[in-house]
Structure formats: C-alpha cells, structure tokens
C-alpha cells in the first residue's frame, strides 16, 4: 500500500480500493469529523431520516429507473469521483454513488 513514513494513515473506499492517504489532523476530534463527513453513509434507502432533501429527490428519481440505468449512472459517478473537482461537488458525487449502491 506504499506506506513510506510513520505514522501513515490510509483509508479504503469502493472508489479508492488501493487506498488513499489521510492528511488531516491526528487527534480524535479531527479523525471523527473526517469519518463523519467523508466516510460515513448517512442516507439509507430503508430509512431516509438522515437524508437531505436533495438526496431524497435523487433517491425517488432513481428508485423508478431500470437496474441497467442505475448501473450505468453508478459507473459514470465512479469515474467522476477519481477526477479533480471542488470538495462540495465531490461530496455530492459520493452521496449519489452511495444511494445508487443501495438500489
């Protein structure tokens, strides 16, 4: 996993199966905030209490779509997430991807 120094923290997601270096703070609060903001799936198909209105709209639109359309959109989002984009846009791409994976 190309660990070259100590301490190296890497995290793994479906979008980055080879791992990504964590470069934030090493204290508990910084790590906790990173996990909550970037890694934790908050919006669930079975329980939309943790979903924003934007996520709920996206979810209702894609629930009605064919599985092949969902798969194609998920593939498109997975390609997008590895590209360069503003943090808020990247977060929305990941949120949409997380919703589609549940369908």
C-alpha atoms as a PDB file:
ATOM      1  CA  UNK A   1       0.000   0.000   0.000  1.00  0.00           C
ATOM      2  CA  UNK A   2       3.030   2.252  -0.436  1.00  0.00           C
ATOM      3  CA  UNK A   3       3.439   3.229   3.222  1.00  0.00           C
ATOM      4  CA  UNK A   4       6.633   5.269   3.389  1.00  0.00           C
ATOM      5  CA  UNK A   5       6.587   7.006   6.744  1.00  0.00           C
ATOM      6  CA  UNK A   6       5.310   6.832  10.249  1.00  0.00           C
ATOM      7  CA  UNK A   7       2.566   7.387  11.089  1.00  0.00           C
ATOM      8  CA  UNK A   8       0.838   6.812   7.768  1.00  0.00           C
ATOM      9  CA  UNK A   9      -2.930   6.577   7.826  1.00  0.00           C
ATOM     10  CA  UNK A  10      -4.713   5.210   4.772  1.00  0.00           C
ATOM     11  CA  UNK A  11      -8.409   4.725   4.231  1.00  0.00           C
ATOM     12  CA  UNK A  12     -10.127   2.484   1.731  1.00  0.00           C
ATOM     13  CA  UNK A  13     -13.398   3.023  -0.090  1.00  0.00           C
ATOM     14  CA  UNK A  14     -15.111   1.461  -3.063  1.00  0.00           C
ATOM     15  CA  UNK A  15     -13.990   4.478  -5.071  1.00  0.00           C
ATOM     16  CA  UNK A  16     -10.345   4.065  -3.972  1.00  0.00           C
ATOM     17  CA  UNK A  17      -9.704   0.333  -3.436  1.00  0.00           C
ATOM     18  CA  UNK A  18      -5.914   0.845  -3.389  1.00  0.00           C
ATOM     19  CA  UNK A  19      -6.255   3.257  -0.504  1.00  0.00           C
ATOM     20  CA  UNK A  20      -5.935   6.992  -0.072  1.00  0.00           C
ATOM     21  CA  UNK A  21      -3.548   8.805   2.251  1.00  0.00           C
ATOM     22  CA  UNK A  22      -5.246  10.634   5.095  1.00  0.00           C
ATOM     23  CA  UNK A  23      -3.678  14.052   5.539  1.00  0.00           C
ATOM     24  CA  UNK A  24      -5.870  15.590   8.225  1.00  0.00           C
ATOM     25  CA  UNK A  25      -5.328  16.040  11.937  1.00  0.00           C
ATOM     26  CA  UNK A  26      -4.330  13.073  14.069  1.00  0.00           C
ATOM     27  CA  UNK A  27      -6.356  13.955  17.156  1.00  0.00           C
ATOM     28  CA  UNK A  28      -9.611  12.160  17.932  1.00  0.00           C
ATOM     29  CA  UNK A  29     -11.906  15.078  17.023  1.00  0.00           C
ATOM     30  CA  UNK A  30     -10.248  15.563  13.609  1.00  0.00           C
ATOM     31  CA  UNK A  31     -10.425  11.847  12.801  1.00  0.00           C
ATOM     32  CA  UNK A  32     -14.025  11.611  13.963  1.00  0.00           C
ATOM     33  CA  UNK A  33     -15.067  14.621  11.870  1.00  0.00           C
ATOM     34  CA  UNK A  34     -13.314  13.192   8.801  1.00  0.00           C
ATOM     35  CA  UNK A  35     -15.120   9.854   9.158  1.00  0.00           C
ATOM     36  CA  UNK A  36     -18.492  11.529   9.695  1.00  0.00           C
ATOM     37  CA  UNK A  37     -18.038  13.936   6.772  1.00  0.00           C
ATOM     38  CA  UNK A  38     -16.317  11.705   4.239  1.00  0.00           C
ATOM     39  CA  UNK A  39     -16.769   8.012   5.021  1.00  0.00           C
ATOM     40  CA  UNK A  40     -19.985   7.511   6.931  1.00  0.00           C
ATOM     41  CA  UNK A  41     -23.059   6.667   4.866  1.00  0.00           C
ATOM     42  CA  UNK A  42     -25.865   8.703   6.380  1.00  0.00           C
ATOM     43  CA  UNK A  43     -28.593   8.407   3.792  1.00  0.00           C
ATOM     44  CA  UNK A  44     -30.209   4.968   3.620  1.00  0.00           C
ATOM     45  CA  UNK A  45     -32.892   3.742   1.249  1.00  0.00           C
ATOM     46  CA  UNK A  46     -34.707   1.927   4.065  1.00  0.00           C
ATOM     47  CA  UNK A  47     -34.579   4.906   6.431  1.00  0.00           C
ATOM     48  CA  UNK A  48     -34.347   8.364   4.886  1.00  0.00           C
ATOM     49  CA  UNK A  49     -34.219  10.261   8.203  1.00  0.00           C
ATOM     50  CA  UNK A  50     -30.519  11.007   7.640  1.00  0.00           C
ATOM     51  CA  UNK A  51     -31.075  12.180   4.057  1.00  0.00           C
ATOM     52  CA  UNK A  52     -31.132  15.768   2.866  1.00  0.00           C
ATOM     53  CA  UNK A  53     -33.995  16.936   0.647  1.00  0.00           C
ATOM     54  CA  UNK A  54     -31.586  16.833  -2.289  1.00  0.00           C
ATOM     55  CA  UNK A  55     -30.729  13.191  -1.536  1.00  0.00           C
ATOM     56  CA  UNK A  56     -34.406  12.286  -1.108  1.00  0.00           C
ATOM     57  CA  UNK A  57     -35.228  13.815  -4.508  1.00  0.00           C
ATOM     58  CA  UNK A  58     -32.355  11.943  -6.121  1.00  0.00           C
ATOM     59  CA  UNK A  59     -33.417   8.711  -4.424  1.00  0.00           C
ATOM     60  CA  UNK A  60     -37.036   8.928  -5.526  1.00  0.00           C
ATOM     61  CA  UNK A  61     -35.983   9.671  -9.111  1.00  0.00           C
ATOM     62  CA  UNK A  62     -33.616   6.694  -9.301  1.00  0.00           C
ATOM     63  CA  UNK A  63     -35.842   4.179  -7.486  1.00  0.00           C
ATOM     64  CA  UNK A  64     -38.103   4.191 -10.542  1.00  0.00           C
ATOM     65  CA  UNK A  65     -35.261   3.586 -13.013  1.00  0.00           C
ATOM     66  CA  UNK A  66     -34.260   0.282 -14.556  1.00  0.00           C
ATOM     67  CA  UNK A  67     -31.323  -1.595 -12.962  1.00  0.00           C
ATOM     68  CA  UNK A  68     -29.235  -1.122 -16.109  1.00  0.00           C
ATOM     69  CA  UNK A  69     -29.698   2.656 -15.919  1.00  0.00           C
ATOM     70  CA  UNK A  70     -28.716   2.633 -12.248  1.00  0.00           C
ATOM     71  CA  UNK A  71     -25.610   0.580 -13.052  1.00  0.00           C
ATOM     72  CA  UNK A  72     -24.629   2.933 -15.883  1.00  0.00           C
ATOM     73  CA  UNK A  73     -25.060   6.005 -13.669  1.00  0.00           C
ATOM     74  CA  UNK A  74     -23.056   4.377 -10.873  1.00  0.00           C
ATOM     75  CA  UNK A  75     -20.243   3.593 -13.300  1.00  0.00           C
ATOM     76  CA  UNK A  76     -20.281   7.205 -14.523  1.00  0.00           C
ATOM     77  CA  UNK A  77     -20.131   8.562 -10.960  1.00  0.00           C
ATOM     78  CA  UNK A  78     -17.296   6.189 -10.048  1.00  0.00           C
ATOM     79  CA  UNK A  79     -15.276   7.570 -12.958  1.00  0.00           C
ATOM     80  CA  UNK A  80     -16.064  11.139 -11.918  1.00  0.00           C
ATOM     81  CA  UNK A  81     -15.045  10.693  -8.276  1.00  0.00           C
ATOM     82  CA  UNK A  82     -11.429   9.967  -9.192  1.00  0.00           C
ATOM     83  CA  UNK A  83     -11.180  13.252 -11.089  1.00  0.00           C
ATOM     84  CA  UNK A  84     -10.350  16.715  -9.863  1.00  0.00           C
ATOM     85  CA  UNK A  85     -13.298  18.717  -8.537  1.00  0.00           C
ATOM     86  CA  UNK A  86     -14.325  21.055  -5.751  1.00  0.00           C
ATOM     87  CA  UNK A  87     -14.843  19.318  -2.370  1.00  0.00           C
ATOM     88  CA  UNK A  88     -18.583  20.055  -2.213  1.00  0.00           C
ATOM     89  CA  UNK A  89     -19.131  18.627  -5.693  1.00  0.00           C
ATOM     90  CA  UNK A  90     -17.067  15.547  -4.862  1.00  0.00           C
ATOM     91  CA  UNK A  91     -19.130  15.038  -1.713  1.00  0.00           C
ATOM     92  CA  UNK A  92     -22.362  15.163  -3.774  1.00  0.00           C
ATOM     93  CA  UNK A  93     -20.935  12.655  -6.260  1.00  0.00           C
ATOM     94  CA  UNK A  94     -20.103  10.291  -3.369  1.00  0.00           C
ATOM     95  CA  UNK A  95     -23.552  10.789  -1.825  1.00  0.00           C
ATOM     96  CA  UNK A  96     -25.254   9.920  -5.118  1.00  0.00           C
ATOM     97  CA  UNK A  97     -22.992   6.914  -5.541  1.00  0.00           C
ATOM     98  CA  UNK A  98     -23.853   5.673  -2.042  1.00  0.00           C
ATOM     99  CA  UNK A  99     -27.566   5.949  -2.810  1.00  0.00           C
ATOM    100  CA  UNK A 100     -27.249   4.094  -6.132  1.00  0.00           C
ATOM    101  CA  UNK A 101     -25.283   1.265  -4.498  1.00  0.00           C
ATOM    102  CA  UNK A 102     -28.285   0.615  -2.271  1.00  0.00           C
ATOM    103  CA  UNK A 103     -30.729   0.253  -5.174  1.00  0.00           C
END
